[in-house]
PDB file of N, CA and C in Angstrom:
ATOM      1  N   MET A   1    -199.478-257.205  20.961  1.00  0.00           N
ATOM      2  CA  MET A   1    -198.786-255.999  20.587  1.00  0.00           C
ATOM      3  C   MET A   1    -198.045-255.387  21.777  1.00  0.00           C
ATOM      4  N   GLN A   2    -198.642-255.459  22.963  1.00  0.00           N
ATOM      5  CA  GLN A   2    -197.983-254.922  24.147  1.00  0.00           C
ATOM      6  C   GLN A   2    -196.713-255.715  24.451  1.00  0.00           C
ATOM      7  N   GLU A   3    -196.760-257.034  24.245  1.00  0.00           N
ATOM      8  CA  GLU A   3    -195.569-257.848  24.462  1.00  0.00           C
ATOM      9  C   GLU A   3    -194.460-257.436  23.497  1.00  0.00           C
ATOM     10  N   ASP A   4    -194.817-257.119  22.242  1.00  0.00           N
ATOM     11  CA  ASP A   4    -193.826-256.637  21.282  1.00  0.00           C
ATOM     12  C   ASP A   4    -193.182-255.345  21.760  1.00  0.00           C
ATOM     13  N   SER A   5    -193.995-254.440  22.265  1.00  0.00           N
ATOM     14  CA  SER A   5    -193.464-253.168  22.760  1.00  0.00           C
ATOM     15  C   SER A   5    -192.520-253.392  23.936  1.00  0.00           C
ATOM     16  N   GLU A   6    -192.857-254.325  24.795  1.00  0.00           N
ATOM     17  CA  GLU A   6    -191.994-254.629  25.941  1.00  0.00           C
ATOM     18  C   GLU A   6    -190.666-255.222  25.472  1.00  0.00           C
ATOM     19  N   ARG A   7    -190.711-256.095  24.464  1.00  0.00           N
ATOM     20  CA  ARG A   7    -189.469-256.652  23.914  1.00  0.00           C
ATOM     21  C   ARG A   7    -188.594-255.550  23.342  1.00  0.00           C
ATOM     22  N   LEU A   8    -189.217-254.625  22.627  1.00  0.00           N
ATOM     23  CA  LEU A   8    -188.450-253.512  22.061  1.00  0.00           C
ATOM     24  C   LEU A   8    -187.815-252.662  23.156  1.00  0.00           C
ATOM     25  N   LYS A   9    -188.556-252.366  24.195  1.00  0.00           N
ATOM     26  CA  LYS A   9    -188.019-251.555  25.297  1.00  0.00           C
ATOM     27  C   LYS A   9    -186.822-252.231  25.959  1.00  0.00           C
ATOM     28  N   ILE A  10    -186.933-253.530  26.190  1.00  0.00           N
ATOM     29  CA  ILE A  10    -185.832-254.270  26.817  1.00  0.00           C
ATOM     30  C   ILE A  10    -184.612-254.269  25.906  1.00  0.00           C
ATOM     31  N   ALA A  11    -184.832-254.535  24.626  1.00  0.00           N
ATOM     32  CA  ALA A  11    -183.723-254.546  23.669  1.00  0.00           C
ATOM     33  C   ALA A  11    -183.056-253.173  23.602  1.00  0.00           C
ATOM     34  N   LEU A  12    -183.850-252.126  23.627  1.00  0.00           N
ATOM     35  CA  LEU A  12    -183.287-250.775  23.588  1.00  0.00           C
ATOM     36  C   LEU A  12    -182.514-250.441  24.866  1.00  0.00           C
ATOM     37  N   ARG A  13    -182.972-250.937  26.001  1.00  0.00           N
ATOM     38  CA  ARG A  13    -182.214-250.728  27.248  1.00  0.00           C
ATOM     39  C   ARG A  13    -180.854-251.413  27.165  1.00  0.00           C
ATOM     40  N   VAL A  14    -180.835-252.625  26.610  1.00  0.00           N
ATOM     41  CA  VAL A  14    -179.574-253.351  26.458  1.00  0.00           C
ATOM     42  C   VAL A  14    -178.644-252.571  25.520  1.00  0.00           C
ATOM     43  N   LEU A  15    -179.176-252.117  24.388  1.00  0.00           N
ATOM     44  CA  LEU A  15    -178.350-251.345  23.451  1.00  0.00           C
ATOM     45  C   LEU A  15    -177.840-250.058  24.081  1.00  0.00           C
ATOM     46  N   ALA A  16    -178.686-249.389  24.854  1.00  0.00           N
ATOM     47  CA  ALA A  16    -178.265-248.152  25.519  1.00  0.00           C
ATOM     48  C   ALA A  16    -177.128-248.425  26.499  1.00  0.00           C
ATOM     49  N   ALA A  17    -177.219-249.507  27.246  1.00  0.00           N
ATOM     50  CA  ALA A  17    -176.157-249.849  28.189  1.00  0.00           C
ATOM     51  C   ALA A  17    -174.849-250.132  27.453  1.00  0.00           C
ATOM     52  N   VAL A  18    -174.923-250.891  26.376  1.00  0.00           N
ATOM     53  CA  VAL A  18    -173.724-251.202  25.591  1.00  0.00           C
ATOM     54  C   VAL A  18    -173.134-249.922  25.007  1.00  0.00           C
ATOM     55  N   ALA A  19    -173.981-249.036  24.512  1.00  0.00           N
ATOM     56  CA  ALA A  19    -173.509-247.775  23.930  1.00  0.00           C
ATOM     57  C   ALA A  19    -172.799-246.904  24.962  1.00  0.00           C
ATOM     58  N   GLU A  20    -173.196-247.028  26.224  1.00  0.00           N
ATOM     59  CA  GLU A  20    -172.583-246.259  27.305  1.00  0.00           C
ATOM     60  C   GLU A  20    -171.423-247.004  27.969  1.00  0.00           C
ATOM     61  N   TYR A  21    -171.011-248.127  27.354  1.00  0.00           N
ATOM     62  CA  TYR A  21    -169.930-248.958  27.888  1.00  0.00           C
ATOM     63  C   TYR A  21    -170.234-249.461  29.300  1.00  0.00           C
ATOM     64  N   CYS A  22    -171.524-249.740  29.542  1.00  0.00           N
ATOM     65  CA  CYS A  22    -171.965-250.295  30.823  1.00  0.00           C
ATOM     66  C   CYS A  22    -172.437-251.725  30.604  1.00  0.00           C
ATOM     67  N   GLU A  23    -172.478-252.456  31.674  1.00  0.00           N
ATOM     68  CA  GLU A  23    -173.025-253.812  31.607  1.00  0.00           C
ATOM     69  C   GLU A  23    -174.549-253.717  31.708  1.00  0.00           C
ATOM     70  N   PRO A  24    -175.265-254.318  30.746  1.00  0.00           N
ATOM     71  CA  PRO A  24    -176.733-254.304  30.842  1.00  0.00           C
ATOM     72  C   PRO A  24    -177.204-255.035  32.095  1.00  0.00           C
ATOM     73  N   GLU A  25    -178.390-254.674  32.547  1.00  0.00           N
ATOM     74  CA  GLU A  25    -178.981-255.343  33.708  1.00  0.00           C
ATOM     75  C   GLU A  25    -179.112-256.841  33.421  1.00  0.00           C
ATOM     76  N   GLU A  26    -178.793-257.655  34.405  1.00  0.00           N
ATOM     77  CA  GLU A  26    -178.852-259.110  34.229  1.00  0.00           C
ATOM     78  C   GLU A  26    -180.264-259.574  33.868  1.00  0.00           C
ATOM     79  N   ALA A  27    -181.274-258.961  34.473  1.00  0.00           N
ATOM     80  CA  ALA A  27    -182.663-259.346  34.158  1.00  0.00           C
ATOM     81  C   ALA A  27    -182.975-259.074  32.687  1.00  0.00           C
ATOM     82  N   ASP A  28    -182.487-257.950  32.163  1.00  0.00           N
ATOM     83  CA  ASP A  28    -182.704-257.641  30.744  1.00  0.00           C
ATOM     84  C   ASP A  28    -181.973-258.636  29.858  1.00  0.00           C
ATOM     85  N   LEU A  29    -180.745-258.989  30.237  1.00  0.00           N
ATOM     86  CA  LEU A  29    -179.982-259.973  29.454  1.00  0.00           C
ATOM     87  C   LEU A  29    -180.687-261.329  29.435  1.00  0.00           C
ATOM     88  N   GLU A  30    -181.220-261.738  30.564  1.00  0.00           N
ATOM     89  CA  GLU A  30    -181.939-263.014  30.616  1.00  0.00           C
ATOM     90  C   GLU A  30    -183.156-262.999  29.701  1.00  0.00           C
ATOM     91  N   LEU A  31    -183.887-261.886  29.716  1.00  0.00           N
ATOM     92  CA  LEU A  31    -185.060-261.783  28.849  1.00  0.00           C
ATOM     93  C   LEU A  31    -184.657-261.772  27.380  1.00  0.00           C
ATOM     94  N   ILE A  32    -183.610-261.028  27.033  1.00  0.00           N
ATOM     95  CA  ILE A  32    -183.139-260.986  25.647  1.00  0.00           C
ATOM     96  C   ILE A  32    -182.743-262.389  25.195  1.00  0.00           C
ATOM     97  N   ARG A  33    -182.048-263.105  26.054  1.00  0.00           N
ATOM     98  CA  ARG A  33    -181.641-264.477  25.707  1.00  0.00           C
ATOM     99  C   ARG A  33    -182.856-265.390  25.529  1.00  0.00           C
ATOM    100  N   SER A  34    -183.895-265.171  26.305  1.00  0.00           N
ATOM    101  CA  SER A  34    -185.093-266.005  26.161  1.00  0.00           C
ATOM    102  C   SER A  34    -185.841-265.683  24.868  1.00  0.00           C
ATOM    103  N   TYR A  35    -185.724-264.450  24.377  1.00  0.00           N
ATOM    104  CA  TYR A  35    -186.377-264.066  23.132  1.00  0.00           C
ATOM    105  C   TYR A  35    -185.631-264.587  21.912  1.00  0.00           C
ATOM    106  N   ALA A  36    -184.333-264.823  22.057  1.00  0.00           N
ATOM    107  CA  ALA A  36    -183.502-265.317  20.952  1.00  0.00           C
ATOM    108  C   ALA A  36    -182.706-266.527  21.438  1.00  0.00           C
ATOM    109  N   PRO A  37    -183.393-267.619  21.789  1.00  0.00           N
ATOM    110  CA  PRO A  37    -182.717-268.749  22.442  1.00  0.00           C
ATOM    111  C   PRO A  37    -181.652-269.445  21.602  1.00  0.00           C
ATOM    112  N   LEU A  38    -181.717-269.348  20.287  1.00  0.00           N
ATOM    113  CA  LEU A  38    -180.713-270.008  19.453  1.00  0.00           C
ATOM    114  C   LEU A  38    -179.429-269.192  19.343  1.00  0.00           C
ATOM    115  N   SER A  39    -179.434-267.992  19.881  1.00  0.00           N
ATOM    116  CA  SER A  39    -178.293-267.086  19.746  1.00  0.00           C
ATOM    117  C   SER A  39    -177.726-266.649  21.086  1.00  0.00           C
ATOM    118  N   THR A  40    -177.893-267.445  22.116  1.00  0.00           N
ATOM    119  CA  THR A  40    -177.535-266.993  23.459  1.00  0.00           C
ATOM    120  C   THR A  40    -176.047-266.725  23.659  1.00  0.00           C
ATOM    121  N   ARG A  41    -175.189-267.239  22.800  1.00  0.00           N
ATOM    122  CA  ARG A  41    -173.751-267.009  22.963  1.00  0.00           C
ATOM    123  C   ARG A  41    -173.271-265.739  22.258  1.00  0.00           C
ATOM    124  N   ARG A  42    -174.175-265.035  21.619  1.00  0.00           N
ATOM    125  CA  ARG A  42    -173.810-263.806  20.915  1.00  0.00           C
ATOM    126  C   ARG A  42    -173.680-262.642  21.895  1.00  0.00           C
ATOM    127  N   HIS A  43    -172.996-261.613  21.458  1.00  0.00           N
ATOM    128  CA  HIS A  43    -172.797-260.400  22.257  1.00  0.00           C
ATOM    129  C   HIS A  43    -174.161-259.756  22.522  1.00  0.00           C
ATOM    130  N   PRO A  44    -174.356-259.129  23.683  1.00  0.00           N
ATOM    131  CA  PRO A  44    -175.667-258.537  24.015  1.00  0.00           C
ATOM    132  C   PRO A  44    -176.212-257.569  22.968  1.00  0.00           C
ATOM    133  N   ASP A  45    -175.340-256.766  22.340  1.00  0.00           N
ATOM    134  CA  ASP A  45    -175.854-255.835  21.334  1.00  0.00           C
ATOM    135  C   ASP A  45    -176.401-256.572  20.120  1.00  0.00           C
ATOM    136  N   GLU A  46    -175.772-257.686  19.754  1.00  0.00           N
ATOM    137  CA  GLU A  46    -176.259-258.483  18.628  1.00  0.00           C
ATOM    138  C   GLU A  46    -177.593-259.145  18.972  1.00  0.00           C
ATOM    139  N   LEU A  47    -177.706-259.632  20.199  1.00  0.00           N
ATOM    140  CA  LEU A  47    -178.977-260.226  20.631  1.00  0.00           C
ATOM    141  C   LEU A  47    -180.094-259.187  20.617  1.00  0.00           C
ATOM    142  N   ALA A  48    -179.794-258.002  21.120  1.00  0.00           N
ATOM    143  CA  ALA A  48    -180.808-256.943  21.159  1.00  0.00           C
ATOM    144  C   ALA A  48    -181.252-256.587  19.744  1.00  0.00           C
ATOM    145  N   CYS A  49    -180.309-256.472  18.832  1.00  0.00           N
ATOM    146  CA  CYS A  49    -180.661-256.153  17.439  1.00  0.00           C
ATOM    147  C   CYS A  49    -181.501-257.273  16.826  1.00  0.00           C
ATOM    148  N   GLU A  50    -181.164-258.505  17.142  1.00  0.00           N
ATOM    149  CA  GLU A  50    -181.943-259.633  16.631  1.00  0.00           C
ATOM    150  C   GLU A  50    -183.387-259.569  17.138  1.00  0.00           C
ATOM    151  N   VAL A  51    -183.554-259.255  18.409  1.00  0.00           N
ATOM    152  CA  VAL A  51    -184.903-259.151  18.978  1.00  0.00           C
ATOM    153  C   VAL A  51    -185.682-258.020  18.303  1.00  0.00           C
ATOM    154  N   ILE A  52    -185.036-256.890  18.093  1.00  0.00           N
ATOM    155  CA  ILE A  52    -185.693-255.772  17.423  1.00  0.00           C
ATOM    156  C   ILE A  52    -186.126-256.180  16.012  1.00  0.00           C
ATOM    157  N   GLN A  53    -185.248-256.857  15.295  1.00  0.00           N
ATOM    158  CA  GLN A  53    -185.592-257.323  13.954  1.00  0.00           C
ATOM    159  C   GLN A  53    -186.758-258.299  13.990  1.00  0.00           C
ATOM    160  N   GLN A  54    -186.771-259.211  14.957  1.00  0.00           N
ATOM    161  CA  GLN A  54    -187.875-260.166  15.071  1.00  0.00           C
ATOM    162  C   GLN A  54    -189.204-259.446  15.238  1.00  0.00           C
ATOM    163  N   VAL A  55    -189.228-258.468  16.129  1.00  0.00           N
ATOM    164  CA  VAL A  55    -190.469-257.732  16.398  1.00  0.00           C
ATOM    165  C   VAL A  55    -190.912-256.959  15.159  1.00  0.00           C
ATOM    166  N   LEU A  56    -189.975-256.264  14.536  1.00  0.00           N
ATOM    167  CA  LEU A  56    -190.335-255.457  13.375  1.00  0.00           C
ATOM    168  C   LEU A  56    -190.758-256.322  12.189  1.00  0.00           C
ATOM    169  N   LYS A  57    -190.116-257.470  12.016  1.00  0.00           N
ATOM    170  CA  LYS A  57    -190.538-258.399  10.957  1.00  0.00           C
ATOM    171  C   LYS A  57    -191.947-258.908  11.221  1.00  0.00           C
ATOM    172  N   ALA A  58    -192.236-259.242  12.471  1.00  0.00           N
ATOM    173  CA  ALA A  58    -193.574-259.731  12.820  1.00  0.00           C
ATOM    174  C   ALA A  58    -194.631-258.667  12.544  1.00  0.00           C
ATOM    175  N   ARG A  59    -194.271-257.418  12.703  1.00  0.00           N
ATOM    176  CA  ARG A  59    -195.189-256.302  12.435  1.00  0.00           C
ATOM    177  C   ARG A  59    -195.237-255.946  10.952  1.00  0.00           C
ATOM    178  N   GLY A  60    -194.357-256.544  10.156  1.00  0.00           N
ATOM    179  CA  GLY A  60    -194.286-256.206   8.739  1.00  0.00           C
ATOM    180  C   GLY A  60    -193.559-254.909   8.468  1.00  0.00           C
ATOM    181  N   GLN A  61    -192.768-254.454   9.432  1.00  0.00           N
ATOM    182  CA  GLN A  61    -192.062-253.177   9.298  1.00  0.00           C
ATOM    183  C   GLN A  61    -190.586-253.335   8.961  1.00  0.00           C
ATOM    184  N   PHE A  62    -190.138-254.550   8.803  1.00  0.00           N
ATOM    185  CA  PHE A  62    -188.708-254.780   8.577  1.00  0.00           C
ATOM    186  C   PHE A  62    -188.568-255.901   7.567  1.00  0.00           C
ATOM    187  N   THR A  63    -187.813-255.677   6.509  1.00  0.00           N
ATOM    188  CA  THR A  63    -187.623-256.693   5.486  1.00  0.00           C
ATOM    189  C   THR A  63    -186.191-257.215   5.539  1.00  0.00           C
ATOM    190  N   ASP A  64    -185.961-258.329   4.868  1.00  0.00           N
ATOM    191  CA  ASP A  64    -184.607-258.888   4.826  1.00  0.00           C
ATOM    192  C   ASP A  64    -183.630-257.925   4.168  1.00  0.00           C
ATOM    193  N   GLY A  65    -184.087-257.178   3.168  1.00  0.00           N
ATOM    194  CA  GLY A  65    -183.229-256.183   2.525  1.00  0.00           C
ATOM    195  C   GLY A  65    -182.799-255.105   3.499  1.00  0.00           C
ATOM    196  N   MET A  66    -183.728-254.681   4.340  1.00  0.00           N
ATOM    197  CA  MET A  66    -183.397-253.681   5.357  1.00  0.00           C
ATOM    198  C   MET A  66    -182.402-254.261   6.357  1.00  0.00           C
ATOM    199  N   ALA A  67    -182.590-255.512   6.721  1.00  0.00           N
ATOM    200  CA  ALA A  67    -181.689-256.157   7.677  1.00  0.00           C
ATOM    201  C   ALA A  67    -180.263-256.169   7.149  1.00  0.00           C
ATOM    202  N   GLU A  68    -180.097-256.469   5.871  1.00  0.00           N
ATOM    203  CA  GLU A  68    -178.762-256.499   5.281  1.00  0.00           C
ATOM    204  C   GLU A  68    -178.142-255.105   5.272  1.00  0.00           C
ATOM    205  N   LYS A  69    -178.928-254.085   4.972  1.00  0.00           N
ATOM    206  CA  LYS A  69    -178.419-252.716   4.989  1.00  0.00           C
ATOM    207  C   LYS A  69    -177.973-252.320   6.395  1.00  0.00           C
ATOM    208  N   VAL A  70    -178.746-252.700   7.394  1.00  0.00           N
ATOM    209  CA  VAL A  70    -178.379-252.393   8.775  1.00  0.00           C
ATOM    210  C   VAL A  70    -177.093-253.110   9.154  1.00  0.00           C
ATOM    211  N   ARG A  71    -177.001-254.389   8.803  1.00  0.00           N
ATOM    212  CA  ARG A  71    -175.788-255.154   9.111  1.00  0.00           C
ATOM    213  C   ARG A  71    -174.559-254.506   8.486  1.00  0.00           C
ATOM    214  N   ARG A  72    -174.667-254.137   7.219  1.00  0.00           N
ATOM    215  CA  ARG A  72    -173.528-253.525   6.524  1.00  0.00           C
ATOM    216  C   ARG A  72    -173.169-252.176   7.130  1.00  0.00           C
ATOM    217  N   SER A  73    -174.159-251.379   7.471  1.00  0.00           N
ATOM    218  CA  SER A  73    -173.869-250.047   8.014  1.00  0.00           C
ATOM    219  C   SER A  73    -173.319-250.120   9.431  1.00  0.00           C
ATOM    220  N   MET A  74    -173.676-251.161  10.175  1.00  0.00           N
ATOM    221  CA  MET A  74    -173.228-251.290  11.559  1.00  0.00           C
ATOM    222  C   MET A  74    -171.934-252.063  11.697  1.00  0.00           C
ATOM    223  N   ALA A  75    -171.512-252.785  10.686  1.00  0.00           N
ATOM    224  CA  ALA A  75    -170.329-253.646  10.810  1.00  0.00           C
ATOM    225  C   ALA A  75    -169.104-252.863  11.242  1.00  0.00           C
ATOM    226  N   GLY A  76    -168.851-251.727  10.637  1.00  0.00           N
ATOM    227  CA  GLY A  76    -167.680-250.928  11.001  1.00  0.00           C
ATOM    228  C   GLY A  76    -167.733-250.413  12.421  1.00  0.00           C
ATOM    229  N   PRO A  77    -168.811-249.711  12.824  1.00  0.00           N
ATOM    230  CA  PRO A  77    -168.867-249.181  14.197  1.00  0.00           C
ATOM    231  C   PRO A  77    -168.813-250.272  15.261  1.00  0.00           C
ATOM    232  N   VAL A  78    -169.461-251.400  15.028  1.00  0.00           N
ATOM    233  CA  VAL A  78    -169.459-252.468  16.025  1.00  0.00           C
ATOM    234  C   VAL A  78    -168.062-253.042  16.180  1.00  0.00           C
ATOM    235  N   ILE A  79    -167.398-253.269  15.069  1.00  0.00           N
ATOM    236  CA  ILE A  79    -166.040-253.818  15.135  1.00  0.00           C
ATOM    237  C   ILE A  79    -165.115-252.827  15.836  1.00  0.00           C
ATOM    238  N   ARG A  80    -165.218-251.528  15.480  1.00  0.00           N
ATOM    239  CA  ARG A  80    -164.351-250.529  16.111  1.00  0.00           C
ATOM    240  C   ARG A  80    -164.621-250.422  17.619  1.00  0.00           C
ATOM    241  N   SER A  81    -165.893-250.460  18.023  1.00  0.00           N
ATOM    242  CA  SER A  81    -166.196-250.314  19.446  1.00  0.00           C
ATOM    243  C   SER A  81    -165.679-251.513  20.228  1.00  0.00           C
ATOM    244  N   ARG A  82    -165.735-252.683  19.652  1.00  0.00           N
ATOM    245  CA  ARG A  82    -165.220-253.869  20.353  1.00  0.00           C
ATOM    246  C   ARG A  82    -163.713-253.831  20.442  1.00  0.00           C
ATOM    247  N   GLN A  83    -163.052-253.274  19.443  1.00  0.00           N
ATOM    248  CA  GLN A  83    -161.593-253.170  19.482  1.00  0.00           C
ATOM    249  C   GLN A  83    -161.154-252.205  20.572  1.00  0.00           C
ATOM    250  N   THR A  84    -161.883-251.120  20.752  1.00  0.00           N
ATOM    251  CA  THR A  84    -161.500-250.143  21.774  1.00  0.00           C
ATOM    252  C   THR A  84    -161.947-250.584  23.164  1.00  0.00           C
ATOM    253  N   GLN A  85    -162.991-251.406  23.203  1.00  0.00           N
ATOM    254  CA  GLN A  85    -163.542-251.853  24.483  1.00  0.00           C
ATOM    255  C   GLN A  85    -162.733-252.999  25.069  1.00  0.00           C
ATOM    256  N   GLY A  86    -162.101-253.804  24.218  1.00  0.00           N
ATOM    257  CA  GLY A  86    -161.346-254.951  24.700  1.00  0.00           C
ATOM    258  C   GLY A  86    -162.208-256.183  24.770  1.00  0.00           C
ATOM    259  N   PRO A  87    -161.636-257.319  25.256  1.00  0.00           N
ATOM    260  CA  PRO A  87    -162.374-258.585  25.283  1.00  0.00           C
ATOM    261  C   PRO A  87    -163.536-258.581  26.245  1.00  0.00           C
TER     262      PRO A  87
END
């Protein structure tokens, strides 16, 4: 359970950095990539969200239906932020 909490904290730090238009710490990015090894080419915010979903699913606190709702609600803001942020 403590490892789950640590994964959540790291993922939240990555999301906070992205939200502030900052580059996440390299150590956090490496850990996020190790938690989601099949998705290492994805944007850091997507990796962080994937890690959060993994932890919450393992705890029984997140369902596939919830995941779809989150994806749909976040699609617009994520696309807009990437357009304003540039490549």
